[in-house]
N, C-alpha and C. Protein backbone atom coordinates (compact mmCIF):
# COMPACT_ATOMS: atom_id res chain seq x y z
N MET A 1 51.35 -7.22 -35.37
CA MET A 1 51.09 -7.96 -34.16
C MET A 1 50.51 -9.34 -34.50
N ILE A 2 49.64 -9.39 -35.49
CA ILE A 2 49.07 -10.67 -35.88
C ILE A 2 50.18 -11.58 -36.41
N ARG A 3 51.10 -11.00 -37.17
CA ARG A 3 52.21 -11.81 -37.70
C ARG A 3 53.06 -12.37 -36.56
N TRP A 4 53.28 -11.56 -35.50
CA TRP A 4 54.10 -12.03 -34.39
C TRP A 4 53.43 -13.21 -33.68
N PHE A 5 52.07 -13.11 -33.43
CA PHE A 5 51.35 -14.21 -32.80
C PHE A 5 51.30 -15.43 -33.72
N ALA A 6 51.26 -15.21 -35.03
CA ALA A 6 51.27 -16.34 -35.97
C ALA A 6 52.61 -17.07 -35.92
N ASN A 7 53.68 -16.36 -35.71
CA ASN A 7 55.01 -17.00 -35.64
C ASN A 7 55.29 -17.58 -34.26
N ASN A 8 54.68 -17.05 -33.21
CA ASN A 8 54.92 -17.51 -31.84
C ASN A 8 53.61 -18.13 -31.30
N GLY A 9 53.39 -19.38 -31.62
CA GLY A 9 52.16 -20.07 -31.22
C GLY A 9 52.03 -20.23 -29.72
N ILE A 10 53.14 -20.37 -29.01
CA ILE A 10 53.09 -20.54 -27.56
C ILE A 10 52.58 -19.26 -26.90
N ALA A 11 53.00 -18.11 -27.38
CA ALA A 11 52.54 -16.83 -26.82
C ALA A 11 51.03 -16.67 -27.05
N ALA A 12 50.55 -17.05 -28.21
CA ALA A 12 49.11 -16.95 -28.49
C ALA A 12 48.33 -17.87 -27.56
N ASN A 13 48.84 -19.07 -27.31
CA ASN A 13 48.16 -19.99 -26.39
C ASN A 13 48.16 -19.45 -24.97
N PHE A 14 49.27 -18.85 -24.52
CA PHE A 14 49.31 -18.25 -23.19
C PHE A 14 48.32 -17.09 -23.07
N LEU A 15 48.20 -16.29 -24.12
CA LEU A 15 47.24 -15.19 -24.11
C LEU A 15 45.81 -15.72 -24.02
N MET A 16 45.52 -16.79 -24.77
CA MET A 16 44.19 -17.39 -24.73
C MET A 16 43.89 -17.94 -23.34
N VAL A 17 44.85 -18.64 -22.72
CA VAL A 17 44.64 -19.19 -21.39
C VAL A 17 44.46 -18.05 -20.38
N GLY A 18 45.21 -16.98 -20.51
CA GLY A 18 45.05 -15.83 -19.62
C GLY A 18 43.67 -15.20 -19.72
N ILE A 19 43.17 -15.06 -20.94
CA ILE A 19 41.84 -14.49 -21.13
C ILE A 19 40.77 -15.41 -20.53
N LEU A 20 40.91 -16.73 -20.72
CA LEU A 20 39.96 -17.68 -20.14
C LEU A 20 39.97 -17.65 -18.62
N VAL A 21 41.15 -17.60 -18.03
CA VAL A 21 41.26 -17.56 -16.57
C VAL A 21 40.65 -16.26 -16.03
N ALA A 22 40.93 -15.13 -16.68
CA ALA A 22 40.36 -13.86 -16.24
C ALA A 22 38.84 -13.88 -16.36
N GLY A 23 38.31 -14.47 -17.41
CA GLY A 23 36.87 -14.56 -17.58
C GLY A 23 36.23 -15.45 -16.54
N LEU A 24 36.84 -16.59 -16.22
CA LEU A 24 36.30 -17.47 -15.20
C LEU A 24 36.34 -16.82 -13.82
N TYR A 25 37.44 -16.13 -13.51
CA TYR A 25 37.55 -15.45 -12.23
C TYR A 25 36.45 -14.38 -12.09
N THR A 26 36.26 -13.60 -13.14
CA THR A 26 35.23 -12.56 -13.11
C THR A 26 33.84 -13.17 -13.00
N GLY A 27 33.61 -14.25 -13.74
CA GLY A 27 32.29 -14.89 -13.71
C GLY A 27 31.96 -15.51 -12.37
N ILE A 28 32.95 -16.08 -11.71
CA ILE A 28 32.70 -16.76 -10.43
C ILE A 28 32.62 -15.79 -9.27
N TYR A 29 33.52 -14.81 -9.20
CA TYR A 29 33.63 -13.98 -8.01
C TYR A 29 33.00 -12.59 -8.12
N HIS A 30 32.70 -12.12 -9.31
CA HIS A 30 32.22 -10.75 -9.43
C HIS A 30 30.83 -10.62 -10.05
N VAL A 31 30.26 -11.68 -10.59
CA VAL A 31 28.91 -11.60 -11.16
C VAL A 31 27.94 -12.09 -10.09
N PRO A 32 27.00 -11.24 -9.66
CA PRO A 32 26.04 -11.67 -8.64
C PRO A 32 25.08 -12.70 -9.22
N LEU A 33 24.82 -13.74 -8.44
CA LEU A 33 23.93 -14.80 -8.86
C LEU A 33 22.86 -14.99 -7.79
N GLU A 34 21.62 -14.86 -8.19
CA GLU A 34 20.51 -15.05 -7.26
C GLU A 34 19.60 -16.13 -7.80
N ILE A 35 19.37 -17.15 -7.01
CA ILE A 35 18.47 -18.21 -7.43
C ILE A 35 17.03 -17.72 -7.34
N THR A 36 16.69 -17.08 -6.23
CA THR A 36 15.38 -16.49 -6.05
C THR A 36 15.58 -15.01 -5.74
N PRO A 37 15.42 -14.14 -6.73
CA PRO A 37 15.65 -12.72 -6.46
C PRO A 37 14.59 -12.14 -5.53
N ALA A 38 15.00 -11.17 -4.76
CA ALA A 38 14.08 -10.50 -3.83
C ALA A 38 13.22 -9.52 -4.60
N LEU A 39 11.93 -9.80 -4.68
CA LEU A 39 11.00 -8.94 -5.38
C LEU A 39 10.19 -8.15 -4.37
N SER A 40 10.01 -6.91 -4.66
CA SER A 40 9.24 -6.05 -3.77
C SER A 40 8.15 -5.37 -4.58
N TRP A 41 6.92 -5.76 -4.33
CA TRP A 41 5.79 -5.15 -5.02
C TRP A 41 5.22 -4.08 -4.11
N ASN A 42 4.94 -2.94 -4.66
CA ASN A 42 4.33 -1.90 -3.85
C ASN A 42 2.91 -1.61 -4.32
N THR A 43 2.21 -2.67 -4.73
CA THR A 43 0.81 -2.56 -5.13
C THR A 43 0.02 -3.67 -4.43
N VAL A 44 -1.14 -3.32 -3.92
CA VAL A 44 -2.02 -4.29 -3.27
C VAL A 44 -3.31 -4.34 -4.09
N MET A 45 -3.85 -5.54 -4.29
CA MET A 45 -5.09 -5.67 -5.03
C MET A 45 -6.20 -6.09 -4.07
N ILE A 46 -7.26 -5.30 -4.02
CA ILE A 46 -8.41 -5.57 -3.16
C ILE A 46 -9.60 -5.81 -4.07
N GLU A 47 -10.14 -7.01 -4.04
CA GLU A 47 -11.31 -7.34 -4.85
C GLU A 47 -12.46 -7.75 -3.94
N MET A 48 -13.65 -7.28 -4.28
CA MET A 48 -14.84 -7.65 -3.51
C MET A 48 -15.97 -7.97 -4.46
N PRO A 49 -16.52 -9.17 -4.38
CA PRO A 49 -17.68 -9.50 -5.22
C PRO A 49 -18.97 -8.95 -4.61
N TYR A 50 -19.88 -8.60 -5.46
CA TYR A 50 -21.21 -8.14 -5.04
C TYR A 50 -22.18 -8.70 -6.09
N ARG A 51 -22.62 -9.91 -5.84
CA ARG A 51 -23.41 -10.65 -6.82
C ARG A 51 -24.73 -9.96 -7.13
N GLY A 52 -25.03 -9.86 -8.41
CA GLY A 52 -26.29 -9.31 -8.87
C GLY A 52 -26.36 -7.79 -8.87
N ALA A 53 -25.26 -7.10 -8.58
CA ALA A 53 -25.29 -5.64 -8.50
C ALA A 53 -24.83 -5.03 -9.82
N THR A 54 -25.35 -3.86 -10.10
CA THR A 54 -24.89 -3.11 -11.26
C THR A 54 -23.59 -2.41 -10.92
N ALA A 55 -22.94 -1.85 -11.93
CA ALA A 55 -21.68 -1.15 -11.70
C ALA A 55 -21.88 0.06 -10.79
N LYS A 56 -23.00 0.72 -10.92
CA LYS A 56 -23.28 1.88 -10.07
C LYS A 56 -23.47 1.46 -8.61
N ASP A 57 -24.15 0.33 -8.40
CA ASP A 57 -24.32 -0.18 -7.03
C ASP A 57 -22.97 -0.56 -6.42
N VAL A 58 -22.10 -1.19 -7.22
CA VAL A 58 -20.78 -1.57 -6.73
C VAL A 58 -19.98 -0.34 -6.35
N GLU A 59 -20.08 0.70 -7.17
CA GLU A 59 -19.35 1.93 -6.86
C GLU A 59 -19.85 2.55 -5.56
N ARG A 60 -21.17 2.63 -5.42
CA ARG A 60 -21.76 3.27 -4.23
C ARG A 60 -21.53 2.45 -2.97
N ALA A 61 -21.67 1.12 -3.06
CA ALA A 61 -21.63 0.29 -1.85
C ALA A 61 -20.24 -0.21 -1.50
N ILE A 62 -19.34 -0.34 -2.48
CA ILE A 62 -18.02 -0.93 -2.20
C ILE A 62 -16.89 0.06 -2.43
N LEU A 63 -16.82 0.62 -3.63
CA LEU A 63 -15.64 1.39 -4.00
C LEU A 63 -15.51 2.70 -3.23
N ILE A 64 -16.58 3.46 -3.12
CA ILE A 64 -16.49 4.74 -2.41
C ILE A 64 -16.13 4.56 -0.94
N PRO A 65 -16.75 3.61 -0.20
CA PRO A 65 -16.32 3.42 1.20
C PRO A 65 -14.86 2.96 1.33
N ILE A 66 -14.39 2.11 0.41
CA ILE A 66 -12.99 1.68 0.49
C ILE A 66 -12.07 2.86 0.20
N GLU A 67 -12.39 3.67 -0.81
CA GLU A 67 -11.57 4.84 -1.10
C GLU A 67 -11.53 5.80 0.09
N GLU A 68 -12.67 6.00 0.73
CA GLU A 68 -12.71 6.88 1.90
C GLU A 68 -11.89 6.30 3.05
N ALA A 69 -11.92 4.98 3.22
CA ALA A 69 -11.14 4.35 4.29
C ALA A 69 -9.65 4.43 4.02
N LEU A 70 -9.26 4.44 2.75
CA LEU A 70 -7.84 4.48 2.41
C LEU A 70 -7.27 5.89 2.32
N GLU A 71 -8.10 6.90 2.46
CA GLU A 71 -7.60 8.27 2.40
C GLU A 71 -6.58 8.57 3.49
N GLY A 72 -6.75 8.00 4.67
CA GLY A 72 -5.85 8.30 5.78
C GLY A 72 -4.62 7.41 5.86
N VAL A 73 -4.49 6.43 4.97
CA VAL A 73 -3.35 5.51 5.03
C VAL A 73 -2.13 6.20 4.43
N LYS A 74 -1.05 6.26 5.19
CA LYS A 74 0.16 6.92 4.71
C LYS A 74 0.90 6.02 3.72
N GLY A 75 1.55 6.63 2.77
CA GLY A 75 2.39 5.90 1.83
C GLY A 75 1.71 5.52 0.54
N ILE A 76 0.44 5.86 0.37
CA ILE A 76 -0.25 5.53 -0.88
C ILE A 76 0.00 6.66 -1.87
N LYS A 77 0.58 6.29 -3.00
CA LYS A 77 0.89 7.27 -4.04
C LYS A 77 -0.29 7.44 -5.00
N GLN A 78 -0.90 6.33 -5.39
CA GLN A 78 -1.98 6.37 -6.36
C GLN A 78 -3.03 5.34 -5.98
N LEU A 79 -4.28 5.66 -6.24
CA LEU A 79 -5.38 4.76 -5.89
C LEU A 79 -6.27 4.60 -7.12
N ASN A 80 -6.33 3.39 -7.67
CA ASN A 80 -7.18 3.10 -8.82
C ASN A 80 -8.32 2.21 -8.37
N ALA A 81 -9.54 2.57 -8.78
CA ALA A 81 -10.71 1.78 -8.44
C ALA A 81 -11.44 1.44 -9.73
N ASP A 82 -11.93 0.20 -9.80
CA ASP A 82 -12.62 -0.26 -11.00
C ASP A 82 -13.86 -1.03 -10.57
N GLY A 83 -15.01 -0.56 -11.01
CA GLY A 83 -16.27 -1.23 -10.68
C GLY A 83 -16.91 -1.79 -11.93
N SER A 84 -17.30 -3.02 -11.87
CA SER A 84 -18.01 -3.64 -12.97
C SER A 84 -19.21 -4.38 -12.42
N ARG A 85 -19.95 -5.04 -13.27
CA ARG A 85 -21.15 -5.73 -12.83
C ARG A 85 -20.80 -6.89 -11.92
N GLY A 86 -21.14 -6.78 -10.65
CA GLY A 86 -20.93 -7.85 -9.69
C GLY A 86 -19.55 -7.90 -9.06
N MET A 87 -18.65 -6.94 -9.36
CA MET A 87 -17.29 -7.01 -8.83
C MET A 87 -16.71 -5.60 -8.71
N GLY A 88 -16.01 -5.37 -7.62
CA GLY A 88 -15.30 -4.12 -7.42
C GLY A 88 -13.85 -4.41 -7.09
N ALA A 89 -12.93 -3.64 -7.65
CA ALA A 89 -11.50 -3.83 -7.40
C ALA A 89 -10.85 -2.48 -7.12
N VAL A 90 -9.99 -2.46 -6.11
CA VAL A 90 -9.23 -1.26 -5.75
C VAL A 90 -7.76 -1.63 -5.76
N LEU A 91 -6.94 -0.80 -6.41
CA LEU A 91 -5.50 -1.06 -6.53
C LEU A 91 -4.72 0.13 -5.99
N PRO A 92 -4.39 0.14 -4.70
CA PRO A 92 -3.55 1.22 -4.19
C PRO A 92 -2.07 0.93 -4.48
N SER A 93 -1.36 1.92 -4.98
CA SER A 93 0.08 1.81 -5.24
C SER A 93 0.82 2.63 -4.19
N GLY A 94 1.84 2.03 -3.61
CA GLY A 94 2.58 2.71 -2.55
C GLY A 94 3.79 3.46 -3.06
N ARG A 95 4.25 4.39 -2.28
CA ARG A 95 5.48 5.11 -2.59
C ARG A 95 6.66 4.19 -2.32
N THR A 96 7.77 4.46 -2.97
CA THR A 96 8.96 3.66 -2.72
C THR A 96 9.43 3.90 -1.30
N GLY A 97 9.75 2.82 -0.62
CA GLY A 97 10.20 2.89 0.76
C GLY A 97 9.09 2.72 1.78
N HIS A 98 7.84 2.70 1.36
CA HIS A 98 6.71 2.50 2.27
C HIS A 98 6.12 1.12 2.05
N ARG A 99 5.76 0.48 3.15
CA ARG A 99 5.06 -0.80 3.06
C ARG A 99 3.57 -0.54 3.19
N LEU A 100 2.78 -1.27 2.44
CA LEU A 100 1.33 -1.08 2.47
C LEU A 100 0.67 -2.06 3.41
N ALA A 101 1.26 -2.26 4.56
CA ALA A 101 0.70 -3.20 5.53
C ALA A 101 -0.60 -2.67 6.13
N GLY A 102 -0.77 -1.37 6.21
CA GLY A 102 -1.95 -0.80 6.81
C GLY A 102 -3.16 -0.76 5.88
N VAL A 103 -3.00 -1.17 4.64
CA VAL A 103 -4.11 -1.09 3.70
C VAL A 103 -5.21 -2.06 4.09
N ALA A 104 -4.86 -3.27 4.47
CA ALA A 104 -5.88 -4.25 4.85
C ALA A 104 -6.62 -3.79 6.09
N GLY A 105 -5.92 -3.23 7.03
CA GLY A 105 -6.58 -2.72 8.23
C GLY A 105 -7.46 -1.52 7.93
N GLY A 106 -7.06 -0.71 6.98
CA GLY A 106 -7.87 0.45 6.61
C GLY A 106 -9.13 0.07 5.87
N CYS A 107 -9.14 -1.09 5.23
CA CYS A 107 -10.31 -1.51 4.45
C CYS A 107 -11.29 -2.35 5.24
N GLU A 108 -10.92 -2.84 6.40
CA GLU A 108 -11.80 -3.74 7.13
C GLU A 108 -13.15 -3.11 7.44
N GLY A 109 -13.13 -1.86 7.85
CA GLY A 109 -14.38 -1.20 8.17
C GLY A 109 -15.18 -0.84 6.94
N ALA A 110 -14.52 -0.66 5.83
CA ALA A 110 -15.21 -0.23 4.62
C ALA A 110 -15.99 -1.37 3.97
N GLY A 111 -15.41 -2.54 3.89
CA GLY A 111 -16.08 -3.60 3.20
C GLY A 111 -16.48 -4.75 4.10
N GLY A 112 -16.20 -4.63 5.35
CA GLY A 112 -16.43 -5.75 6.26
C GLY A 112 -17.67 -5.60 7.10
N HIS A 113 -17.50 -5.73 8.39
CA HIS A 113 -18.63 -5.85 9.31
C HIS A 113 -19.35 -4.52 9.58
N ASP A 114 -18.63 -3.41 9.47
CA ASP A 114 -19.25 -2.14 9.82
C ASP A 114 -20.15 -1.59 8.73
N HIS A 115 -20.06 -2.12 7.53
CA HIS A 115 -20.80 -1.57 6.40
C HIS A 115 -21.67 -2.66 5.80
N ASP A 116 -22.93 -2.40 5.65
CA ASP A 116 -23.85 -3.39 5.09
C ASP A 116 -23.94 -3.17 3.59
N VAL A 117 -23.43 -4.11 2.81
CA VAL A 117 -23.38 -4.00 1.36
C VAL A 117 -24.73 -4.24 0.74
N SER A 118 -25.62 -4.90 1.40
CA SER A 118 -26.89 -5.28 0.81
C SER A 118 -27.95 -4.18 0.83
N GLU A 119 -27.60 -2.98 1.28
CA GLU A 119 -28.60 -1.90 1.36
C GLU A 119 -29.05 -1.42 0.01
């Protein structure tokens, strides 16, 4: 076959042009191109500072009330809480197909006006 293409240069050129045209057609019409891909994160990060507090104070005053407030929120698969000196962070991860829009509403009472952090 190589010998035949070596003797028939026009056939080899037609084959090359056919392969190029097929590649361009596939690249233009069948390869999806997204300039800004749609990203969907199913994790929310909640951080609350508590200046001058120890890690135990942060856990007692911030993390435990937020965890209790998030117990009733549907769609949470996993809940990670991290308390350090002067800062508390809660990372609820949602199940696929669920939006975590209710997480902020569930935390308002825990870390906001209804709970006094300075006790």
